[in-house]
N, C-alpha and C. Protein backbone atom coordinates (compact mmCIF):
# COMPACT_ATOMS: atom_id res chain seq x y z
N UNK A 1 0.84 -1.18 0.00
CA UNK A 1 0.00 0.00 0.00
C UNK A 1 0.89 1.24 0.00
N UNK A 2 0.45 2.30 -0.63
CA UNK A 2 1.22 3.53 -0.73
C UNK A 2 1.31 4.23 0.62
N UNK A 3 2.44 4.84 0.88
CA UNK A 3 2.63 5.59 2.11
C UNK A 3 1.86 6.91 2.01
N UNK A 4 1.61 7.54 3.15
CA UNK A 4 0.85 8.79 3.19
C UNK A 4 1.53 9.87 2.34
N UNK A 5 2.85 9.98 2.44
CA UNK A 5 3.58 11.00 1.67
C UNK A 5 3.46 10.72 0.17
N UNK A 6 3.54 9.44 -0.22
CA UNK A 6 3.38 9.06 -1.63
C UNK A 6 1.99 9.45 -2.12
N UNK A 7 0.99 9.18 -1.31
CA UNK A 7 -0.39 9.52 -1.68
C UNK A 7 -0.56 11.02 -1.82
N UNK A 8 0.06 11.77 -0.94
CA UNK A 8 -0.02 13.24 -1.00
C UNK A 8 0.63 13.76 -2.28
N UNK A 9 1.80 13.23 -2.62
CA UNK A 9 2.48 13.65 -3.84
C UNK A 9 1.69 13.26 -5.09
N UNK A 10 1.10 12.06 -5.07
CA UNK A 10 0.28 11.63 -6.20
C UNK A 10 -0.91 12.56 -6.37
N UNK A 11 -1.57 12.88 -5.28
CA UNK A 11 -2.74 13.75 -5.35
C UNK A 11 -2.36 15.13 -5.87
N UNK A 12 -1.22 15.65 -5.44
CA UNK A 12 -0.76 16.96 -5.91
C UNK A 12 -0.53 16.93 -7.42
N UNK A 13 0.11 15.89 -7.91
CA UNK A 13 0.36 15.78 -9.35
C UNK A 13 -0.94 15.63 -10.12
N UNK A 14 -1.85 14.80 -9.63
CA UNK A 14 -3.13 14.60 -10.31
C UNK A 14 -3.96 15.88 -10.33
N UNK A 15 -3.93 16.64 -9.21
CA UNK A 15 -4.66 17.92 -9.19
C UNK A 15 -4.08 18.88 -10.21
N UNK A 16 -2.75 18.91 -10.30
CA UNK A 16 -2.10 19.81 -11.25
C UNK A 16 -2.47 19.45 -12.69
N UNK A 17 -2.61 18.16 -12.97
CA UNK A 17 -2.91 17.72 -14.33
C UNK A 17 -4.40 17.58 -14.61
N UNK A 18 -5.23 17.99 -13.66
CA UNK A 18 -6.68 17.88 -13.82
C UNK A 18 -7.26 19.01 -14.67
N UNK A 19 -6.43 19.97 -15.04
CA UNK A 19 -6.87 21.12 -15.84
C UNK A 19 -6.28 20.98 -17.24
N UNK A 20 -7.13 21.06 -18.25
CA UNK A 20 -6.70 20.85 -19.63
C UNK A 20 -5.56 21.78 -20.04
N UNK A 21 -5.62 23.03 -19.64
CA UNK A 21 -4.56 23.98 -20.01
C UNK A 21 -3.20 23.53 -19.48
N UNK A 22 -3.19 22.97 -18.28
CA UNK A 22 -1.92 22.50 -17.71
C UNK A 22 -1.41 21.28 -18.45
N UNK A 23 -2.32 20.43 -18.88
CA UNK A 23 -1.91 19.26 -19.67
C UNK A 23 -1.30 19.73 -20.99
N UNK A 24 -1.92 20.72 -21.59
CA UNK A 24 -1.40 21.25 -22.86
C UNK A 24 -0.02 21.91 -22.66
N UNK A 25 0.15 22.61 -21.54
CA UNK A 25 1.45 23.20 -21.22
C UNK A 25 2.49 22.09 -21.08
N UNK A 26 2.15 21.03 -20.37
CA UNK A 26 3.08 19.92 -20.19
C UNK A 26 3.46 19.29 -21.54
N UNK A 27 2.48 19.15 -22.43
CA UNK A 27 2.75 18.57 -23.75
C UNK A 27 3.73 19.45 -24.52
N UNK A 28 3.55 20.76 -24.46
CA UNK A 28 4.47 21.66 -25.15
C UNK A 28 5.86 21.64 -24.53
N UNK A 29 5.92 21.60 -23.21
CA UNK A 29 7.22 21.59 -22.53
C UNK A 29 7.94 20.25 -22.70
N UNK A 30 7.21 19.21 -23.04
CA UNK A 30 7.85 17.92 -23.32
C UNK A 30 8.66 17.99 -24.60
N UNK A 31 8.30 18.93 -25.49
CA UNK A 31 9.01 19.08 -26.76
C UNK A 31 10.22 19.99 -26.65
N UNK A 32 10.08 21.09 -25.86
CA UNK A 32 11.18 22.06 -25.74
C UNK A 32 10.88 23.03 -24.59
N UNK A 33 11.91 23.79 -24.20
CA UNK A 33 11.71 24.80 -23.17
C UNK A 33 11.03 26.02 -23.81
N UNK A 34 10.17 26.66 -23.03
CA UNK A 34 9.42 27.82 -23.52
C UNK A 34 9.26 28.84 -22.40
N UNK A 35 9.14 30.12 -22.79
CA UNK A 35 8.87 31.17 -21.81
C UNK A 35 7.36 31.41 -21.75
N UNK A 36 6.94 32.22 -20.80
CA UNK A 36 5.52 32.49 -20.59
C UNK A 36 4.90 33.09 -21.85
N UNK A 37 5.60 34.03 -22.49
CA UNK A 37 5.08 34.66 -23.70
C UNK A 37 4.84 33.67 -24.82
N UNK A 38 5.78 32.77 -25.01
CA UNK A 38 5.63 31.76 -26.07
C UNK A 38 4.46 30.83 -25.76
N UNK A 39 4.35 30.40 -24.51
CA UNK A 39 3.24 29.53 -24.12
C UNK A 39 1.91 30.26 -24.31
N UNK A 40 1.88 31.53 -23.96
CA UNK A 40 0.67 32.34 -24.11
C UNK A 40 0.24 32.41 -25.57
N UNK A 41 1.20 32.66 -26.46
CA UNK A 41 0.90 32.73 -27.90
C UNK A 41 0.44 31.39 -28.45
N UNK A 42 1.12 30.34 -28.07
CA UNK A 42 0.79 29.00 -28.59
C UNK A 42 -0.58 28.51 -28.13
N UNK A 43 -0.95 28.85 -26.89
CA UNK A 43 -2.19 28.34 -26.33
C UNK A 43 -3.35 29.33 -26.40
N UNK A 44 -3.05 30.57 -26.73
CA UNK A 44 -4.11 31.58 -26.80
C UNK A 44 -4.68 31.92 -25.44
N UNK A 45 -3.85 31.88 -24.43
CA UNK A 45 -4.23 32.17 -23.05
C UNK A 45 -3.39 33.35 -22.58
N UNK A 46 -3.93 34.20 -21.71
CA UNK A 46 -3.18 35.36 -21.23
C UNK A 46 -1.91 34.92 -20.49
N UNK A 47 -0.91 35.78 -20.51
CA UNK A 47 0.35 35.49 -19.83
C UNK A 47 0.13 35.31 -18.33
N UNK A 48 -0.79 36.08 -17.76
CA UNK A 48 -1.10 35.93 -16.33
C UNK A 48 -1.65 34.56 -16.00
N UNK A 49 -2.55 34.06 -16.86
CA UNK A 49 -3.12 32.73 -16.64
C UNK A 49 -2.04 31.66 -16.79
N UNK A 50 -1.17 31.82 -17.79
CA UNK A 50 -0.07 30.87 -17.98
C UNK A 50 0.81 30.84 -16.74
N UNK A 51 1.13 32.01 -16.20
CA UNK A 51 1.97 32.09 -15.00
C UNK A 51 1.33 31.36 -13.83
N UNK A 52 0.03 31.51 -13.67
CA UNK A 52 -0.66 30.82 -12.57
C UNK A 52 -0.62 29.30 -12.77
N UNK A 53 -0.83 28.86 -14.00
CA UNK A 53 -0.77 27.42 -14.28
C UNK A 53 0.65 26.89 -14.02
N UNK A 54 1.65 27.65 -14.43
CA UNK A 54 3.03 27.22 -14.22
C UNK A 54 3.37 27.15 -12.73
N UNK A 55 2.82 28.04 -11.92
CA UNK A 55 3.05 27.99 -10.48
C UNK A 55 2.52 26.69 -9.90
N UNK A 56 1.33 26.30 -10.33
CA UNK A 56 0.74 25.04 -9.85
C UNK A 56 1.59 23.85 -10.28
N UNK A 57 2.04 23.86 -11.52
CA UNK A 57 2.88 22.78 -12.03
C UNK A 57 4.23 22.73 -11.31
N UNK A 58 4.78 23.90 -10.99
CA UNK A 58 6.05 23.94 -10.25
C UNK A 58 5.85 23.41 -8.84
N UNK A 59 4.76 23.82 -8.19
CA UNK A 59 4.48 23.35 -6.83
C UNK A 59 4.31 21.83 -6.79
N UNK A 60 3.82 21.25 -7.88
CA UNK A 60 3.64 19.80 -7.97
C UNK A 60 4.94 19.10 -8.34
N UNK A 61 5.99 19.87 -8.62
CA UNK A 61 7.28 19.29 -8.98
C UNK A 61 7.35 18.77 -10.40
N UNK A 62 6.46 19.26 -11.27
CA UNK A 62 6.43 18.78 -12.65
C UNK A 62 7.17 19.68 -13.63
N UNK A 63 7.41 20.93 -13.24
CA UNK A 63 8.03 21.91 -14.13
C UNK A 63 9.14 22.64 -13.38
N UNK A 64 10.23 22.93 -14.07
CA UNK A 64 11.34 23.72 -13.53
C UNK A 64 11.49 24.99 -14.33
N UNK A 65 12.09 26.01 -13.71
CA UNK A 65 12.30 27.30 -14.38
C UNK A 65 13.78 27.61 -14.47
N UNK A 66 14.18 28.27 -15.57
CA UNK A 66 15.55 28.71 -15.82
C UNK A 66 15.50 30.17 -16.22
N UNK A 67 16.21 31.03 -15.48
CA UNK A 67 16.26 32.44 -15.88
C UNK A 67 17.32 32.60 -16.97
N UNK A 68 16.91 33.23 -18.06
CA UNK A 68 17.82 33.53 -19.17
C UNK A 68 17.67 35.01 -19.50
N UNK A 69 18.54 35.81 -18.93
CA UNK A 69 18.43 37.25 -19.11
C UNK A 69 17.16 37.77 -18.48
N UNK A 70 16.32 38.43 -19.27
CA UNK A 70 15.07 38.98 -18.77
C UNK A 70 13.94 37.95 -18.73
N UNK A 71 14.16 36.81 -19.34
CA UNK A 71 13.09 35.83 -19.48
C UNK A 71 13.33 34.61 -18.60
N UNK A 72 12.24 33.98 -18.23
CA UNK A 72 12.30 32.72 -17.50
C UNK A 72 11.76 31.66 -18.44
N UNK A 73 12.57 30.66 -18.70
CA UNK A 73 12.17 29.55 -19.57
C UNK A 73 11.80 28.36 -18.70
N UNK A 74 10.74 27.69 -19.10
CA UNK A 74 10.22 26.55 -18.34
C UNK A 74 10.46 25.27 -19.12
N UNK A 75 10.67 24.19 -18.36
CA UNK A 75 10.88 22.87 -18.94
C UNK A 75 10.29 21.84 -17.99
N UNK A 76 10.08 20.64 -18.49
CA UNK A 76 9.64 19.56 -17.61
C UNK A 76 10.72 19.31 -16.56
N UNK A 77 10.32 19.09 -15.35
CA UNK A 77 11.27 18.78 -14.29
C UNK A 77 11.92 17.43 -14.56
N UNK A 78 13.15 17.32 -14.15
CA UNK A 78 13.85 16.04 -14.30
C UNK A 78 13.06 14.99 -13.53
N UNK A 79 12.73 13.92 -14.17
CA UNK A 79 12.01 12.83 -13.53
C UNK A 79 10.50 13.02 -13.49
N UNK A 80 9.97 14.07 -14.11
CA UNK A 80 8.51 14.30 -14.09
C UNK A 80 7.76 13.14 -14.74
N UNK A 81 8.26 12.68 -15.88
CA UNK A 81 7.61 11.55 -16.56
C UNK A 81 7.61 10.31 -15.67
N UNK A 82 8.75 10.04 -15.08
CA UNK A 82 8.88 8.84 -14.24
C UNK A 82 7.97 8.94 -13.01
N UNK A 83 7.87 10.13 -12.41
CA UNK A 83 6.99 10.30 -11.24
C UNK A 83 5.53 10.10 -11.62
N UNK A 84 5.14 10.61 -12.78
CA UNK A 84 3.75 10.44 -13.22
C UNK A 84 3.45 8.97 -13.50
N UNK A 85 4.38 8.29 -14.16
CA UNK A 85 4.20 6.86 -14.43
C UNK A 85 4.13 6.07 -13.14
N UNK A 86 5.02 6.38 -12.20
CA UNK A 86 5.03 5.67 -10.92
C UNK A 86 3.74 5.90 -10.15
N UNK A 87 3.22 7.12 -10.21
CA UNK A 87 1.96 7.42 -9.52
C UNK A 87 0.83 6.57 -10.09
N UNK A 88 0.78 6.46 -11.40
CA UNK A 88 -0.27 5.63 -12.02
C UNK A 88 -0.07 4.16 -11.70
N UNK A 89 1.18 3.72 -11.69
CA UNK A 89 1.45 2.31 -11.35
C UNK A 89 1.00 2.00 -9.92
N UNK A 90 1.29 2.91 -8.99
CA UNK A 90 0.89 2.70 -7.60
C UNK A 90 -0.63 2.71 -7.49
N UNK A 91 -1.26 3.64 -8.19
CA UNK A 91 -2.71 3.78 -8.12
C UNK A 91 -3.42 2.52 -8.61
N UNK A 92 -2.90 1.93 -9.69
CA UNK A 92 -3.57 0.78 -10.29
C UNK A 92 -2.91 -0.55 -9.95
N UNK A 93 -2.05 -0.54 -8.94
CA UNK A 93 -1.38 -1.77 -8.52
C UNK A 93 -2.42 -2.74 -7.97
N UNK A 94 -2.44 -3.97 -8.47
CA UNK A 94 -3.42 -4.93 -7.96
C UNK A 94 -3.13 -5.28 -6.51
N UNK A 95 -4.20 -5.58 -5.79
CA UNK A 95 -4.05 -5.98 -4.39
C UNK A 95 -3.42 -7.37 -4.34
N UNK A 96 -2.78 -7.66 -3.24
CA UNK A 96 -2.19 -8.98 -3.07
C UNK A 96 -3.29 -10.02 -3.04
N UNK A 97 -3.00 -11.17 -3.60
CA UNK A 97 -3.98 -12.26 -3.58
C UNK A 97 -4.24 -12.66 -2.15
N UNK A 98 -5.46 -13.00 -1.88
CA UNK A 98 -5.83 -13.44 -0.55
C UNK A 98 -6.11 -12.30 0.41
N UNK A 99 -6.02 -11.05 -0.07
CA UNK A 99 -6.31 -9.92 0.81
C UNK A 99 -7.79 -9.94 1.17
N UNK A 100 -8.06 -9.72 2.41
CA UNK A 100 -9.43 -9.76 2.89
C UNK A 100 -9.99 -8.36 3.02
N UNK A 101 -11.27 -8.28 2.97
CA UNK A 101 -11.96 -7.03 3.16
C UNK A 101 -11.73 -6.57 4.60
N UNK A 102 -11.37 -5.32 4.77
CA UNK A 102 -11.10 -4.79 6.10
C UNK A 102 -12.35 -4.78 6.97
N UNK A 103 -13.52 -4.76 6.34
CA UNK A 103 -14.76 -4.71 7.10
C UNK A 103 -15.14 -6.08 7.66
N UNK A 104 -14.53 -7.12 7.14
CA UNK A 104 -14.85 -8.47 7.60
C UNK A 104 -14.23 -8.70 8.97
N UNK A 105 -15.03 -9.08 9.93
CA UNK A 105 -14.53 -9.30 11.29
C UNK A 105 -14.79 -10.74 11.69
N UNK A 106 -14.06 -11.13 12.66
CA UNK A 106 -14.27 -12.48 13.21
C UNK A 106 -15.02 -12.34 14.53
N UNK A 107 -15.90 -13.28 14.74
CA UNK A 107 -16.65 -13.29 16.01
C UNK A 107 -15.75 -13.79 17.13
N UNK A 108 -16.23 -13.76 18.32
CA UNK A 108 -15.47 -14.21 19.48
C UNK A 108 -15.07 -15.67 19.33
N UNK A 109 -15.92 -16.48 18.72
CA UNK A 109 -15.64 -17.91 18.56
C UNK A 109 -14.73 -18.19 17.37
N UNK A 110 -14.31 -17.17 16.62
CA UNK A 110 -13.41 -17.39 15.50
C UNK A 110 -14.12 -17.59 14.19
N UNK A 111 -15.45 -17.53 14.18
CA UNK A 111 -16.18 -17.69 12.92
C UNK A 111 -16.30 -16.34 12.24
N UNK A 112 -16.37 -16.39 10.93
CA UNK A 112 -16.58 -15.16 10.16
C UNK A 112 -17.99 -14.67 10.38
N UNK A 113 -18.13 -13.36 10.44
CA UNK A 113 -19.47 -12.78 10.59
C UNK A 113 -19.88 -12.09 9.32
């Protein structure tokens, strides 16, 4: 079973990717690094909205920023793909065979109730 910290990190990543604009930003950043202005032009979204989406993606650990002169260029964080894949693997990991329902209790005499 996933640890509490793992579950928290998974939830943060899933929340970040639950918005279509953020998914589109991730798709573009998977191809190359881009600044806010370029992302704004490509997606037809205001620079302010792009900045807010990037903040959420950065907080989730999916995007990194690089200052280049006056501009900040964004790229996928190192290991972002692997973390997303691992989160999905953990989420859909089959239960161990023979696992019992937690609600099932045994009576005082040892019989199933």
